[in-house]
C-alpha atoms as a PDB file:
ATOM      1  CA  MET A   1       6.307 -29.853 -11.551  1.00  0.00           C
ATOM      2  CA  LEU A   2       4.703 -28.938 -14.878  1.00  0.00           C
ATOM      3  CA  VAL A   3       2.780 -31.599 -16.790  1.00  0.00           C
ATOM      4  CA  ASP A   4       3.233 -31.788 -20.572  1.00  0.00           C
ATOM      5  CA  GLY A   5       0.292 -29.547 -21.400  1.00  0.00           C
ATOM      6  CA  GLU A   6       1.343 -26.899 -18.876  1.00  0.00           C
ATOM      7  CA  ARG A   7       4.972 -27.111 -20.023  1.00  0.00           C
ATOM      8  CA  ASN A   8       4.010 -26.605 -23.659  1.00  0.00           C
ATOM      9  CA  ALA A   9       1.880 -23.581 -22.788  1.00  0.00           C
ATOM     10  CA  HIS A  10       4.650 -22.179 -20.598  1.00  0.00           C
ATOM     11  CA  ASP A  11       7.263 -22.668 -23.343  1.00  0.00           C
ATOM     12  CA  ALA A  12       5.011 -21.108 -25.954  1.00  0.00           C
ATOM     13  CA  ILE A  13       4.620 -17.957 -23.879  1.00  0.00           C
ATOM     14  CA  CYS A  14       8.280 -17.717 -22.940  1.00  0.00           C
ATOM     15  CA  ASN A  15       9.505 -18.340 -26.497  1.00  0.00           C
ATOM     16  CA  ASP A  16       7.031 -16.098 -28.299  1.00  0.00           C
ATOM     17  CA  PRO A  17       8.854 -12.814 -29.046  1.00  0.00           C
ATOM     18  CA  GLN A  18       5.519 -11.000 -29.161  1.00  0.00           C
ATOM     19  CA  GLU A  19       5.008 -11.834 -25.494  1.00  0.00           C
ATOM     20  CA  THR A  20       8.412 -10.461 -24.470  1.00  0.00           C
ATOM     21  CA  ILE A  21       9.115  -6.772 -23.936  1.00  0.00           C
ATOM     22  CA  VAL A  22      12.719  -6.280 -24.998  1.00  0.00           C
ATOM     23  CA  ASP A  23      12.771  -2.509 -25.007  1.00  0.00           C
ATOM     24  CA  ALA A  24      14.263  -1.228 -21.761  1.00  0.00           C
ATOM     25  CA  THR A  25      12.273   2.008 -21.876  1.00  0.00           C
ATOM     26  CA  SER A  26       9.011   0.080 -22.185  1.00  0.00           C
ATOM     27  CA  ARG A  27       9.985  -2.136 -19.252  1.00  0.00           C
ATOM     28  CA  ASP A  28      10.786   0.901 -17.126  1.00  0.00           C
ATOM     29  CA  ARG A  29       7.490   2.586 -17.970  1.00  0.00           C
ATOM     30  CA  LEU A  30       5.500  -0.545 -17.165  1.00  0.00           C
ATOM     31  CA  GLY A  31       7.430  -0.995 -13.941  1.00  0.00           C
ATOM     32  CA  THR A  32       6.663   2.581 -12.899  1.00  0.00           C
ATOM     33  CA  ARG A  33       2.972   2.137 -13.699  1.00  0.00           C
ATOM     34  CA  ALA A  34       2.927  -1.070 -11.670  1.00  0.00           C
ATOM     35  CA  ILE A  35       4.329   0.460  -8.495  1.00  0.00           C
ATOM     36  CA  ASP A  36       2.148   3.548  -8.963  1.00  0.00           C
ATOM     37  CA  ALA A  37      -0.854   1.236  -8.485  1.00  0.00           C
ATOM     38  CA  LEU A  38       0.272   0.274  -4.974  1.00  0.00           C
ATOM     39  CA  SER A  39      -1.431   1.757  -1.931  1.00  0.00           C
ATOM     40  CA  THR A  40       1.913   1.651  -0.098  1.00  0.00           C
ATOM     41  CA  GLY A  41       4.039   4.706  -0.686  1.00  0.00           C
ATOM     42  CA  LEU A  42       7.544   3.800  -1.875  1.00  0.00           C
ATOM     43  CA  ALA A  43      10.382   6.316  -1.993  1.00  0.00           C
ATOM     44  CA  LEU A  44      14.103   5.931  -2.585  1.00  0.00           C
ATOM     45  CA  LEU A  45      16.175   8.207  -0.363  1.00  0.00           C
ATOM     46  CA  ASP A  46      19.870   8.966  -0.195  1.00  0.00           C
ATOM     47  CA  ARG A  47      21.719   9.421   3.078  1.00  0.00           C
ATOM     48  CA  ARG A  48      20.754  13.130   3.145  1.00  0.00           C
ATOM     49  CA  ILE A  49      17.062  12.087   3.004  1.00  0.00           C
ATOM     50  CA  GLN A  50      16.770  13.539  -0.462  1.00  0.00           C
ATOM     51  CA  VAL A  51      14.131  11.836  -2.607  1.00  0.00           C
ATOM     52  CA  LEU A  52      15.564  10.059  -5.652  1.00  0.00           C
ATOM     53  CA  PHE A  53      12.306   8.402  -6.701  1.00  0.00           C
ATOM     54  CA  ALA A  54       8.739   8.140  -5.402  1.00  0.00           C
ATOM     55  CA  ASN A  55       5.696   6.234  -6.620  1.00  0.00           C
ATOM     56  CA  ALA A  56       2.300   7.936  -6.931  1.00  0.00           C
ATOM     57  CA  THR A  57       1.207   7.195  -3.359  1.00  0.00           C
ATOM     58  CA  ALA A  58       4.508   8.406  -1.918  1.00  0.00           C
ATOM     59  CA  LYS A  59       4.316  11.619  -3.967  1.00  0.00           C
ATOM     60  CA  ARG A  60       0.873  12.328  -2.520  1.00  0.00           C
ATOM     61  CA  ILE A  61       2.022  11.622   1.045  1.00  0.00           C
ATOM     62  CA  LEU A  62       5.235  13.618   0.690  1.00  0.00           C
ATOM     63  CA  THR A  63       3.307  16.719  -0.410  1.00  0.00           C
ATOM     64  CA  MET A  64       0.979  16.766   2.615  1.00  0.00           C
ATOM     65  CA  PRO A  65       1.620  20.117   4.359  1.00  0.00           C
ATOM     66  CA  SER A  66       0.365  18.690   7.645  1.00  0.00           C
ATOM     67  CA  LEU A  67       3.267  16.213   7.567  1.00  0.00           C
ATOM     68  CA  PHE A  68       6.178  17.703   5.645  1.00  0.00           C
ATOM     69  CA  LYS A  69       7.569  21.232   5.688  1.00  0.00           C
ATOM     70  CA  THR A  70       9.957  20.598   2.805  1.00  0.00           C
ATOM     71  CA  MET A  71       9.022  18.730  -0.340  1.00  0.00           C
ATOM     72  CA  ALA A  72      10.886  16.454  -2.740  1.00  0.00           C
ATOM     73  CA  PRO A  73      13.458  16.625  -4.207  1.00  0.00           C
ATOM     74  CA  LEU A  74      14.778  18.702  -1.302  1.00  0.00           C
ATOM     75  CA  PRO A  75      15.900  16.714   1.745  1.00  0.00           C
ATOM     76  CA  LEU A  76      12.735  15.759   3.601  1.00  0.00           C
ATOM     77  CA  ALA A  77      11.845  17.512   6.826  1.00  0.00           C
ATOM     78  CA  LEU A  78       8.762  16.686   8.842  1.00  0.00           C
ATOM     79  CA  VAL A  79       6.671  19.249  10.692  1.00  0.00           C
ATOM     80  CA  ASP A  80       6.707  17.149  13.864  1.00  0.00           C
ATOM     81  CA  ALA A  81      10.181  17.459  15.361  1.00  0.00           C
ATOM     82  CA  GLU A  82      10.236  14.013  16.998  1.00  0.00           C
ATOM     83  CA  SER A  83       9.106  12.329  13.775  1.00  0.00           C
ATOM     84  CA  ASN A  84      11.719  14.252  11.838  1.00  0.00           C
ATOM     85  CA  GLU A  85      14.472  13.040  14.165  1.00  0.00           C
ATOM     86  CA  ALA A  86      13.107   9.475  14.044  1.00  0.00           C
ATOM     87  CA  LEU A  87      13.246   9.485  10.235  1.00  0.00           C
ATOM     88  CA  ARG A  88      16.819  10.776  10.264  1.00  0.00           C
ATOM     89  CA  ARG A  89      17.872   8.033  12.689  1.00  0.00           C
ATOM     90  CA  ALA A  90      16.099   5.380  10.607  1.00  0.00           C
ATOM     91  CA  VAL A  91      17.788   6.487   7.385  1.00  0.00           C
ATOM     92  CA  ALA A  92      21.201   6.549   9.095  1.00  0.00           C
ATOM     93  CA  GLN A  93      20.525   3.066  10.467  1.00  0.00           C
ATOM     94  CA  ALA A  94      19.516   1.784   7.029  1.00  0.00           C
ATOM     95  CA  CYS A  95      22.688   3.236   5.555  1.00  0.00           C
ATOM     96  CA  ARG A  96      24.497   0.939   7.995  1.00  0.00           C
ATOM     97  CA  ASN A  97      22.537  -1.992   6.538  1.00  0.00           C
ATOM     98  CA  ALA A  98      19.929  -2.287   9.299  1.00  0.00           C
ATOM     99  CA  SER A  99      16.188  -1.849   8.837  1.00  0.00           C
ATOM    100  CA  ALA A 100      14.053   0.386  11.041  1.00  0.00           C
ATOM    101  CA  ALA A 101      10.351   0.880  11.745  1.00  0.00           C
ATOM    102  CA  LEU A 102       8.772   4.138  12.840  1.00  0.00           C
ATOM    103  CA  GLN A 103       5.580   6.110  13.197  1.00  0.00           C
ATOM    104  CA  LEU A 104       5.322   9.587  11.699  1.00  0.00           C
ATOM    105  CA  ARG A 105       3.042  12.191  13.278  1.00  0.00           C
ATOM    106  CA  ASP A 106       1.342  15.192  11.723  1.00  0.00           C
ATOM    107  CA  CYS A 107       1.409  18.839  12.798  1.00  0.00           C
ATOM    108  CA  ASP A 108      -1.014  18.058  15.628  1.00  0.00           C
ATOM    109  CA  ALA A 109       1.203  15.209  16.862  1.00  0.00           C
ATOM    110  CA  ARG A 110      -1.373  12.616  15.760  1.00  0.00           C
ATOM    111  CA  PRO A 111      -0.116   9.299  14.320  1.00  0.00           C
ATOM    112  CA  ALA A 112      -0.485   9.620  10.540  1.00  0.00           C
ATOM    113  CA  ILE A 113       1.988   7.261   8.844  1.00  0.00           C
ATOM    114  CA  THR A 114       3.465   3.887   9.701  1.00  0.00           C
ATOM    115  CA  ALA A 115       6.740   3.355   7.895  1.00  0.00           C
ATOM    116  CA  VAL A 116       9.757   1.132   7.502  1.00  0.00           C
ATOM    117  CA  VAL A 117      13.152   2.114   6.172  1.00  0.00           C
ATOM    118  CA  LEU A 118      15.070  -0.664   4.457  1.00  0.00           C
ATOM    119  CA  PRO A 119      18.666  -0.775   3.163  1.00  0.00           C
ATOM    120  CA  LEU A 120      19.212  -1.501  -0.513  1.00  0.00           C
ATOM    121  CA  CYS A 121      22.230  -3.644  -1.384  1.00  0.00           C
ATOM    122  CA  PRO A 122      24.622  -1.622  -3.596  1.00  0.00           C
ATOM    123  CA  ALA A 123      26.106  -4.818  -5.059  1.00  0.00           C
ATOM    124  CA  GLU A 124      22.739  -5.796  -6.529  1.00  0.00           C
ATOM    125  CA  TRP A 125      21.591  -2.326  -7.577  1.00  0.00           C
ATOM    126  CA  GLN A 126      22.170  -1.229 -11.154  1.00  0.00           C
ATOM    127  CA  GLY A 127      21.466   2.412 -11.818  1.00  0.00           C
ATOM    128  CA  PRO A 128      22.750   5.956 -11.440  1.00  0.00           C
ATOM    129  CA  TRP A 129      22.004   6.144  -7.714  1.00  0.00           C
ATOM    130  CA  PRO A 130      24.397   6.871  -4.852  1.00  0.00           C
ATOM    131  CA  GLN A 131      25.710   3.784  -3.149  1.00  0.00           C
ATOM    132  CA  GLN A 132      23.932   4.531   0.123  1.00  0.00           C
ATOM    133  CA  THR A 133      20.315   4.389  -1.001  1.00  0.00           C
ATOM    134  CA  VAL A 134      17.435   3.313   1.234  1.00  0.00           C
ATOM    135  CA  LEU A 135      13.797   2.458   0.674  1.00  0.00           C
ATOM    136  CA  LEU A 136      11.108   4.288   2.647  1.00  0.00           C
ATOM    137  CA  ALA A 137       7.791   2.377   2.598  1.00  0.00           C
ATOM    138  CA  MET A 138       4.785   4.234   4.050  1.00  0.00           C
ATOM    139  CA  ASN A 139       1.159   3.413   4.852  1.00  0.00           C
ATOM    140  CA  GLU A 140      -1.392   5.954   6.025  1.00  0.00           C
ATOM    141  CA  SER A 141      -2.856   5.099   9.405  1.00  0.00           C
ATOM    142  CA  THR A 142      -6.410   6.284   8.759  1.00  0.00           C
ATOM    143  CA  ARG A 143      -6.907   6.307   4.989  1.00  0.00           C
ATOM    144  CA  PRO A 144     -10.193   4.653   3.915  1.00  0.00           C
ATOM    145  CA  HIS A 145      -9.659   1.709   1.598  1.00  0.00           C
ATOM    146  CA  ALA A 146     -12.773   0.933  -0.445  1.00  0.00           C
ATOM    147  CA  ILE A 147     -12.670  -2.340  -2.376  1.00  0.00           C
ATOM    148  CA  PRO A 148     -14.622  -2.692  -5.647  1.00  0.00           C
ATOM    149  CA  ASP A 149     -17.739  -4.831  -5.219  1.00  0.00           C
ATOM    150  CA  HIS A 150     -16.733  -7.169  -8.035  1.00  0.00           C
ATOM    151  CA  TRP A 151     -13.423  -7.919  -6.287  1.00  0.00           C
ATOM    152  CA  LEU A 152     -15.248  -8.912  -3.132  1.00  0.00           C
ATOM    153  CA  SER A 153     -17.550 -11.066  -5.232  1.00  0.00           C
ATOM    154  CA  GLN A 154     -14.605 -12.717  -7.004  1.00  0.00           C
ATOM    155  CA  MET A 155     -12.687 -13.380  -3.795  1.00  0.00           C
ATOM    156  CA  PHE A 156     -15.482 -14.395  -1.447  1.00  0.00           C
ATOM    157  CA  GLY A 157     -18.758 -14.554  -3.351  1.00  0.00           C
ATOM    158  CA  LEU A 158     -20.206 -11.553  -1.500  1.00  0.00           C
ATOM    159  CA  THR A 159     -23.486 -10.046  -2.658  1.00  0.00           C
ATOM    160  CA  ARG A 160     -23.732  -6.315  -3.383  1.00  0.00           C
ATOM    161  CA  ALA A 161     -25.319  -5.713   0.039  1.00  0.00           C
ATOM    162  CA  GLU A 162     -22.581  -7.736   1.768  1.00  0.00           C
ATOM    163  CA  ALA A 163     -19.896  -5.833  -0.143  1.00  0.00           C
ATOM    164  CA  SER A 164     -21.522  -2.570   0.924  1.00  0.00           C
ATOM    165  CA  VAL A 165     -21.434  -3.387   4.623  1.00  0.00           C
ATOM    166  CA  THR A 166     -17.861  -4.690   4.265  1.00  0.00           C
ATOM    167  CA  ASN A 167     -16.608  -1.432   2.757  1.00  0.00           C
ATOM    168  CA  TRP A 168     -18.524   0.553   5.364  1.00  0.00           C
ATOM    169  CA  LEU A 169     -16.692  -1.266   8.149  1.00  0.00           C
ATOM    170  CA  ILE A 170     -13.306  -1.032   6.390  1.00  0.00           C
ATOM    171  CA  SER A 171     -13.726   2.757   6.345  1.00  0.00           C
ATOM    172  CA  GLY A 172     -13.783   2.707  10.153  1.00  0.00           C
ATOM    173  CA  ARG A 173     -17.517   3.173  10.715  1.00  0.00           C
ATOM    174  CA  THR A 174     -19.813   1.078  12.885  1.00  0.00           C
ATOM    175  CA  ILE A 175     -22.454  -1.493  12.045  1.00  0.00           C
ATOM    176  CA  ASP A 176     -25.057   0.604  13.929  1.00  0.00           C
ATOM    177  CA  ALA A 177     -24.269   3.623  11.741  1.00  0.00           C
ATOM    178  CA  TYR A 178     -24.495   1.418   8.647  1.00  0.00           C
ATOM    179  CA  ALA A 179     -27.977   0.229   9.566  1.00  0.00           C
ATOM    180  CA  GLN A 180     -29.110   3.800  10.102  1.00  0.00           C
ATOM    181  CA  HIS A 181     -27.482   4.992   6.876  1.00  0.00           C
ATOM    182  CA  ARG A 182     -29.054   2.216   4.786  1.00  0.00           C
ATOM    183  CA  GLY A 183     -32.424   2.427   6.477  1.00  0.00           C
ATOM    184  CA  VAL A 184     -32.412  -1.218   7.568  1.00  0.00           C
ATOM    185  CA  SER A 185     -32.814  -2.799  10.964  1.00  0.00           C
ATOM    186  CA  LEU A 186     -29.742  -3.454  13.077  1.00  0.00           C
ATOM    187  CA  GLU A 187     -30.692  -7.127  13.000  1.00  0.00           C
ATOM    188  CA  THR A 188     -30.539  -7.105   9.186  1.00  0.00           C
ATOM    189  CA  ALA A 189     -27.164  -5.359   9.185  1.00  0.00           C
ATOM    190  CA  ARG A 190     -25.752  -7.816  11.694  1.00  0.00           C
ATOM    191  CA  SER A 191     -27.116 -10.714   9.633  1.00  0.00           C
ATOM    192  CA  GLN A 192     -25.269  -9.348   6.581  1.00  0.00           C
ATOM    193  CA  LEU A 193     -22.073  -9.035   8.597  1.00  0.00           C
ATOM    194  CA  LYS A 194     -22.486 -12.600   9.863  1.00  0.00           C
ATOM    195  CA  ALA A 195     -22.782 -13.795   6.242  1.00  0.00           C
ATOM    196  CA  VAL A 196     -19.646 -11.830   5.310  1.00  0.00           C
ATOM    197  CA  LEU A 197     -17.665 -13.403   8.147  1.00  0.00           C
ATOM    198  CA  ALA A 198     -18.824 -16.867   7.143  1.00  0.00           C
ATOM    199  CA  LYS A 199     -17.913 -16.389   3.471  1.00  0.00           C
ATOM    200  CA  THR A 200     -14.520 -14.863   4.207  1.00  0.00           C
ATOM    201  CA  GLY A 201     -13.610 -17.400   6.880  1.00  0.00           C
ATOM    202  CA  MET A 202     -13.106 -14.692   9.485  1.00  0.00           C
ATOM    203  CA  SER A 203     -14.237 -14.998  13.094  1.00  0.00           C
ATOM    204  CA  ARG A 204     -14.381 -11.344  14.096  1.00  0.00           C
ATOM    205  CA  GLN A 205     -15.165  -7.960  12.560  1.00  0.00           C
ATOM    206  CA  ALA A 206     -11.741  -6.625  13.576  1.00  0.00           C
ATOM    207  CA  GLN A 207     -10.040  -9.504  11.757  1.00  0.00           C
ATOM    208  CA  LEU A 208     -12.111  -8.821   8.630  1.00  0.00           C
ATOM    209  CA  VAL A 209     -11.208  -5.134   8.589  1.00  0.00           C
ATOM    210  CA  ALA A 210      -7.515  -5.736   9.278  1.00  0.00           C
ATOM    211  CA  THR A 211      -7.224  -8.400   6.566  1.00  0.00           C
ATOM    212  CA  LEU A 212      -9.046  -6.585   3.782  1.00  0.00           C
ATOM    213  CA  SER A 213      -7.346  -3.274   4.551  1.00  0.00           C
ATOM    214  CA  ARG A 214      -4.060  -4.892   3.481  1.00  0.00           C
ATOM    215  CA  LEU A 215      -5.009  -5.172  -0.178  1.00  0.00           C
ATOM    216  CA  PRO A 216      -2.113  -3.360  -1.843  1.00  0.00           C
ATOM    217  CA  ILE A 217      -3.971  -1.691  -4.731  1.00  0.00           C
ATOM    218  CA  GLU A 218      -4.482   2.060  -4.646  1.00  0.00           C
ATOM    219  CA  HIS A 219      -6.208   2.980  -7.904  1.00  0.00           C
ATOM    220  CA  ALA A 220      -8.755   0.244  -8.550  1.00  0.00           C
ATOM    221  CA  SER A 221     -11.537   0.652 -11.048  1.00  0.00           C
ATOM    222  CA  SER A 222     -14.931  -0.654  -9.976  1.00  0.00           C
END
């Protein structure tokens, strides 16, 4: 429940025409910029697996020659035959209003993308799309995910050195390699990691990496 002061501030914002974007084109442009900032690739597909829309991350993933042999807007086709068939089954399943999860492999049959395919409800969708439209959401399995130091400071109060070791571990490298790279003792590096775990409320290094790797921002300025 809002108290009087909060309600007045809320009403002032909501009722101020300068704070409201009424132009549909401006809303669409801002919406596109917002989803382009996500580290998750989002693509709208029709039942033929033709790309109707893709955010910036999805566009980058969909143009990887090690993964796809045809590019948008043509119907997607993956280099790995099993992954290609799995995507086709997932899209068909989503067109029948059922979600699906899958793993896409590259040309060397290595896991590269984790993905989900979700149905979109035609009754709630307003736009010039075919009725059977599905959402493909993709995350890269091994993409490094550096977090700006000032974000880590804002969230957890980490020092620059603690932020450095955190990003090193998030990139998939070891604490031993970090100590060697920074020219510090392994004891010092482990002490920094211990401080990071305490400040973030994590109990294990694996938990720290898994949690911070989920930050959904792709293009962050430091």
